[in-house]
């Protein structure tokens, strides 16, 4: 069974329940009529409104929905994760989210589930967490390059066109040699990786895209990611 990650740069049910284009796309990748999907909202401290919105969105799409709390009594994680078809990780504070996950061993449980073919997906923090590193605004006063789970290679930046500090930070970090390249995902766009490799750039609202950002001869370049096909929903 293929390993799949669908990393959303911004947008989706967390902003508005409208056409649910990217949510429908995620569900279809499971090839199951009523897939089981589990929401992990750790990055917002298990925000109640965010959880309720998840249920409204994915219940309306015929999914078998659930979520995991870490700030109330916590269920048996491995058993629950392994009974899912899809995992969806919400946005928020990536650094805090990963710290909680590691304390509960969820990072290893998710990695084994990923290898078994359970689809990993998410937005913002839930997009970058799967990569070696991510560009995060977990700190109030600055952007940072954060070590992540390392399920797939690369350094990922979400909200690339949406938040004004993102492009300058990526530019400075490339120019200084801290990183060599960056996978940039714009808002209302998702990068779909299959068997650890980027395969599709999914635009679901503003004809946005994904880019491989590099610095050559002190010039920032935005190129198409090798092997990636663009899909407009």
Protein backbone atom coordinates (compact mmCIF):
# COMPACT_ATOMS: atom_id res chain seq x y z
CA UNK A 1 0.00 0.00 0.00
CA UNK A 2 1.27 3.46 -0.92
CA UNK A 3 2.51 5.83 1.76
CA UNK A 4 0.78 9.20 1.44
CA UNK A 5 1.16 12.65 2.97
CA UNK A 6 -1.06 15.60 2.02
CA UNK A 7 0.49 18.79 3.39
CA UNK A 8 -1.75 21.87 3.23
CA UNK A 9 -0.15 25.32 3.20
CA UNK A 10 -3.23 27.11 4.51
CA UNK A 11 -7.00 27.14 4.22
CA UNK A 12 -9.60 24.43 4.53
CA UNK A 13 -12.24 23.72 7.16
CA UNK A 14 -10.37 25.62 9.88
CA UNK A 15 -11.22 28.88 8.10
CA UNK A 16 -14.60 28.11 6.60
CA UNK A 17 -16.85 25.17 5.90
CA UNK A 18 -17.74 25.82 2.30
CA UNK A 19 -16.99 23.55 -0.63
CA UNK A 20 -14.53 21.38 1.36
CA UNK A 21 -12.49 20.80 -1.78
CA UNK A 22 -9.24 19.71 -0.17
CA UNK A 23 -11.09 17.66 2.42
CA UNK A 24 -12.89 15.76 -0.35
CA UNK A 25 -9.57 15.25 -2.11
CA UNK A 26 -8.01 13.76 1.02
CA UNK A 27 -10.94 11.39 1.52
CA UNK A 28 -10.80 10.16 -2.09
CA UNK A 29 -7.17 9.11 -1.69
CA UNK A 30 -8.25 6.42 0.78
CA UNK A 31 -10.41 4.65 -1.83
CA UNK A 32 -12.86 3.84 0.99
CA UNK A 33 -16.51 4.94 0.88
CA UNK A 34 -16.77 6.02 4.53
CA UNK A 35 -13.19 6.27 5.77
CA UNK A 36 -12.21 6.60 9.40
CA UNK A 37 -10.44 9.90 10.01
CA UNK A 38 -8.86 11.07 13.26
CA UNK A 39 -8.21 14.74 14.03
CA UNK A 40 -5.19 15.64 16.17
CA UNK A 41 -5.59 19.26 17.38
CA UNK A 42 -2.59 19.30 19.74
CA UNK A 43 -1.04 22.43 18.19
CA UNK A 44 -3.97 24.55 19.43
CA UNK A 45 -4.05 22.89 22.86
CA UNK A 46 -7.08 20.82 21.78
CA UNK A 47 -9.15 23.91 20.99
CA UNK A 48 -12.84 23.06 21.42
CA UNK A 49 -14.12 25.18 18.53
CA UNK A 50 -11.53 23.73 16.14
CA UNK A 51 -12.58 20.21 17.13
CA UNK A 52 -16.26 21.00 16.62
CA UNK A 53 -15.53 22.44 13.17
CA UNK A 54 -13.63 19.29 12.22
CA UNK A 55 -16.64 17.16 13.11
CA UNK A 56 -19.02 19.41 11.15
CA UNK A 57 -16.80 19.24 8.09
CA UNK A 58 -15.95 15.57 7.94
CA UNK A 59 -19.26 14.26 9.30
CA UNK A 60 -20.91 16.06 6.37
CA UNK A 61 -18.63 14.08 4.04
CA UNK A 62 -19.71 10.73 5.47
CA UNK A 63 -16.53 9.95 7.40
CA UNK A 64 -16.23 8.01 10.63
CA UNK A 65 -14.76 10.81 12.73
CA UNK A 66 -12.79 10.94 15.96
CA UNK A 67 -10.16 13.09 17.65
CA UNK A 68 -7.38 12.73 20.20
CA UNK A 69 -7.15 14.84 23.36
CA UNK A 70 -3.86 15.33 25.17
CA UNK A 71 -5.09 17.91 27.65
CA UNK A 72 -7.85 15.72 29.04
CA UNK A 73 -7.67 12.00 29.68
CA UNK A 74 -5.99 10.38 26.69
CA UNK A 75 -7.12 7.22 24.90
CA UNK A 76 -4.93 4.23 23.96
CA UNK A 77 -3.07 5.87 21.13
CA UNK A 78 -1.58 2.99 19.19
CA UNK A 79 -4.82 1.02 19.03
CA UNK A 80 -6.81 4.04 17.90
CA UNK A 81 -4.32 5.28 15.30
CA UNK A 82 -4.00 1.85 13.72
CA UNK A 83 -7.77 1.69 13.24
CA UNK A 84 -7.80 4.84 11.09
CA UNK A 85 -7.69 5.32 7.34
CA UNK A 86 -6.66 8.98 7.56
CA UNK A 87 -4.94 11.18 10.14
CA UNK A 88 -5.55 14.94 9.99
CA UNK A 89 -3.30 17.23 12.06
CA UNK A 90 -4.46 20.77 12.77
CA UNK A 91 -2.48 23.99 12.72
CA UNK A 92 -1.02 25.93 15.64
CA UNK A 93 2.22 25.80 17.61
CA UNK A 94 4.37 23.13 15.97
CA UNK A 95 7.12 23.12 18.59
CA UNK A 96 4.71 22.54 21.46
CA UNK A 97 2.77 19.95 19.46
CA UNK A 98 5.87 17.88 18.73
CA UNK A 99 7.01 18.05 22.35
CA UNK A 100 3.69 16.64 23.54
CA UNK A 101 3.71 13.95 20.87
CA UNK A 102 7.19 12.79 21.79
CA UNK A 103 6.28 12.60 25.47
CA UNK A 104 3.39 10.30 24.55
CA UNK A 105 5.36 8.38 21.87
CA UNK A 106 2.84 9.46 19.25
CA UNK A 107 5.66 10.37 16.86
CA UNK A 108 6.69 6.70 16.64
CA UNK A 109 3.10 5.46 16.52
CA UNK A 110 2.37 7.78 13.59
CA UNK A 111 5.52 6.73 11.77
CA UNK A 112 4.54 3.06 11.92
CA UNK A 113 1.01 3.94 10.79
CA UNK A 114 2.42 5.93 7.88
CA UNK A 115 4.54 2.96 6.81
CA UNK A 116 1.41 0.78 6.88
CA UNK A 117 -0.36 3.09 4.45
CA UNK A 118 -2.53 5.19 6.76
CA UNK A 119 -2.79 8.61 5.09
CA UNK A 120 -1.13 11.48 6.94
CA UNK A 121 -2.53 14.95 6.30
CA UNK A 122 -2.83 18.34 7.90
CA UNK A 123 -2.51 22.08 7.60
CA UNK A 124 0.29 24.45 8.66
CA UNK A 125 1.82 22.70 11.70
CA UNK A 126 0.06 19.61 10.35
CA UNK A 127 1.83 20.11 7.02
CA UNK A 128 5.42 20.75 8.09
CA UNK A 129 5.56 18.18 10.88
CA UNK A 130 6.12 15.28 8.45
CA UNK A 131 9.32 16.75 6.97
CA UNK A 132 12.90 16.75 8.26
CA UNK A 133 12.48 20.41 9.19
CA UNK A 134 9.84 23.11 8.99
CA UNK A 135 9.68 26.88 8.96
CA UNK A 136 7.62 27.77 12.03
CA UNK A 137 6.18 30.80 13.81
CA UNK A 138 5.93 28.89 17.09
CA UNK A 139 7.97 31.69 18.69
CA UNK A 140 6.13 34.98 19.17
CA UNK A 141 8.90 37.29 18.02
CA UNK A 142 10.60 35.38 15.20
CA UNK A 143 10.43 32.64 12.59
CA UNK A 144 12.62 29.59 13.07
CA UNK A 145 13.79 26.40 11.37
CA UNK A 146 12.45 23.57 13.52
CA UNK A 147 13.45 19.88 13.53
CA UNK A 148 10.35 17.82 12.75
CA UNK A 149 9.43 14.14 12.40
CA UNK A 150 11.50 13.29 9.35
CA UNK A 151 9.03 10.94 7.67
CA UNK A 152 10.06 12.58 4.38
CA UNK A 153 13.08 14.58 3.29
CA UNK A 154 13.11 18.33 3.00
CA UNK A 155 12.43 21.64 4.69
CA UNK A 156 8.86 22.88 4.36
CA UNK A 157 7.31 26.33 4.76
CA UNK A 158 3.49 26.75 4.87
CA UNK A 159 1.50 29.97 4.32
CA UNK A 160 4.25 31.06 1.94
CA UNK A 161 2.21 33.77 0.22
CA UNK A 162 -0.19 34.46 3.10
CA UNK A 163 1.94 35.68 6.00
CA UNK A 164 4.26 38.63 5.29
CA UNK A 165 7.19 37.35 7.35
CA UNK A 166 7.46 34.02 5.51
CA UNK A 167 9.11 35.05 2.23
CA UNK A 168 11.72 37.36 3.84
CA UNK A 169 12.66 34.69 6.40
CA UNK A 170 13.08 31.99 3.77
CA UNK A 171 15.14 34.40 1.66
CA UNK A 172 17.45 35.32 4.56
CA UNK A 173 17.84 31.72 5.66
CA UNK A 174 18.78 30.61 2.14
CA UNK A 175 21.17 33.52 1.60
CA UNK A 176 22.95 32.78 4.88
CA UNK A 177 23.37 29.11 4.00
CA UNK A 178 21.40 27.86 7.02
CA UNK A 179 19.30 25.87 4.54
CA UNK A 180 20.02 24.95 0.92
CA UNK A 181 16.46 24.80 -0.36
CA UNK A 182 12.89 25.04 0.87
CA UNK A 183 9.60 23.51 -0.20
CA UNK A 184 7.18 26.43 -0.07
CA UNK A 185 3.44 25.72 0.02
CA UNK A 186 1.09 28.62 -0.60
CA UNK A 187 -2.29 29.09 1.02
CA UNK A 188 -5.19 27.17 -0.52
CA UNK A 189 -2.68 24.72 -1.90
CA UNK A 190 -1.44 21.32 -0.77
CA UNK A 191 1.54 19.15 -1.66
CA UNK A 192 0.63 15.48 -2.07
CA UNK A 193 3.55 13.12 -1.50
CA UNK A 194 3.33 9.45 -2.50
CA UNK A 195 5.91 6.95 -1.27
CA UNK A 196 7.94 9.80 0.23
CA UNK A 197 8.17 11.80 -3.00
CA UNK A 198 6.26 14.97 -4.01
CA UNK A 199 3.80 14.08 -6.79
CA UNK A 200 0.97 16.62 -6.96
CA UNK A 201 0.45 20.31 -6.20
CA UNK A 202 -3.22 20.64 -5.32
CA UNK A 203 -4.71 24.11 -5.78
CA UNK A 204 -8.13 24.41 -4.17
CA UNK A 205 -9.07 28.06 -4.05
CA UNK A 206 -6.84 30.69 -5.59
CA UNK A 207 -4.85 28.86 -8.29
CA UNK A 208 -1.93 28.86 -5.86
CA UNK A 209 1.04 26.51 -6.06
CA UNK A 210 4.05 24.93 -4.43
CA UNK A 211 7.64 25.88 -5.14
CA UNK A 212 11.18 24.70 -4.58
CA UNK A 213 12.93 27.85 -3.36
CA UNK A 214 16.72 28.06 -3.75
CA UNK A 215 19.45 30.70 -3.76
CA UNK A 216 21.90 30.77 -6.66
CA UNK A 217 24.48 33.52 -7.13
CA UNK A 218 22.72 35.57 -4.43
CA UNK A 219 19.46 35.36 -6.36
CA UNK A 220 16.35 33.68 -4.97
CA UNK A 221 14.72 31.28 -7.42
CA UNK A 222 11.25 29.75 -7.32
CA UNK A 223 11.12 26.58 -9.37
CA UNK A 224 8.67 23.78 -9.96
CA UNK A 225 9.34 20.80 -7.70
CA UNK A 226 10.74 17.93 -9.78
CA UNK A 227 8.16 15.34 -10.74
CA UNK A 228 5.20 17.35 -9.44
CA UNK A 229 2.00 17.72 -11.46
CA UNK A 230 -0.40 20.57 -10.70
CA UNK A 231 -4.07 19.79 -10.09
CA UNK A 232 -6.73 22.49 -9.78
CA UNK A 233 -9.81 21.42 -7.83
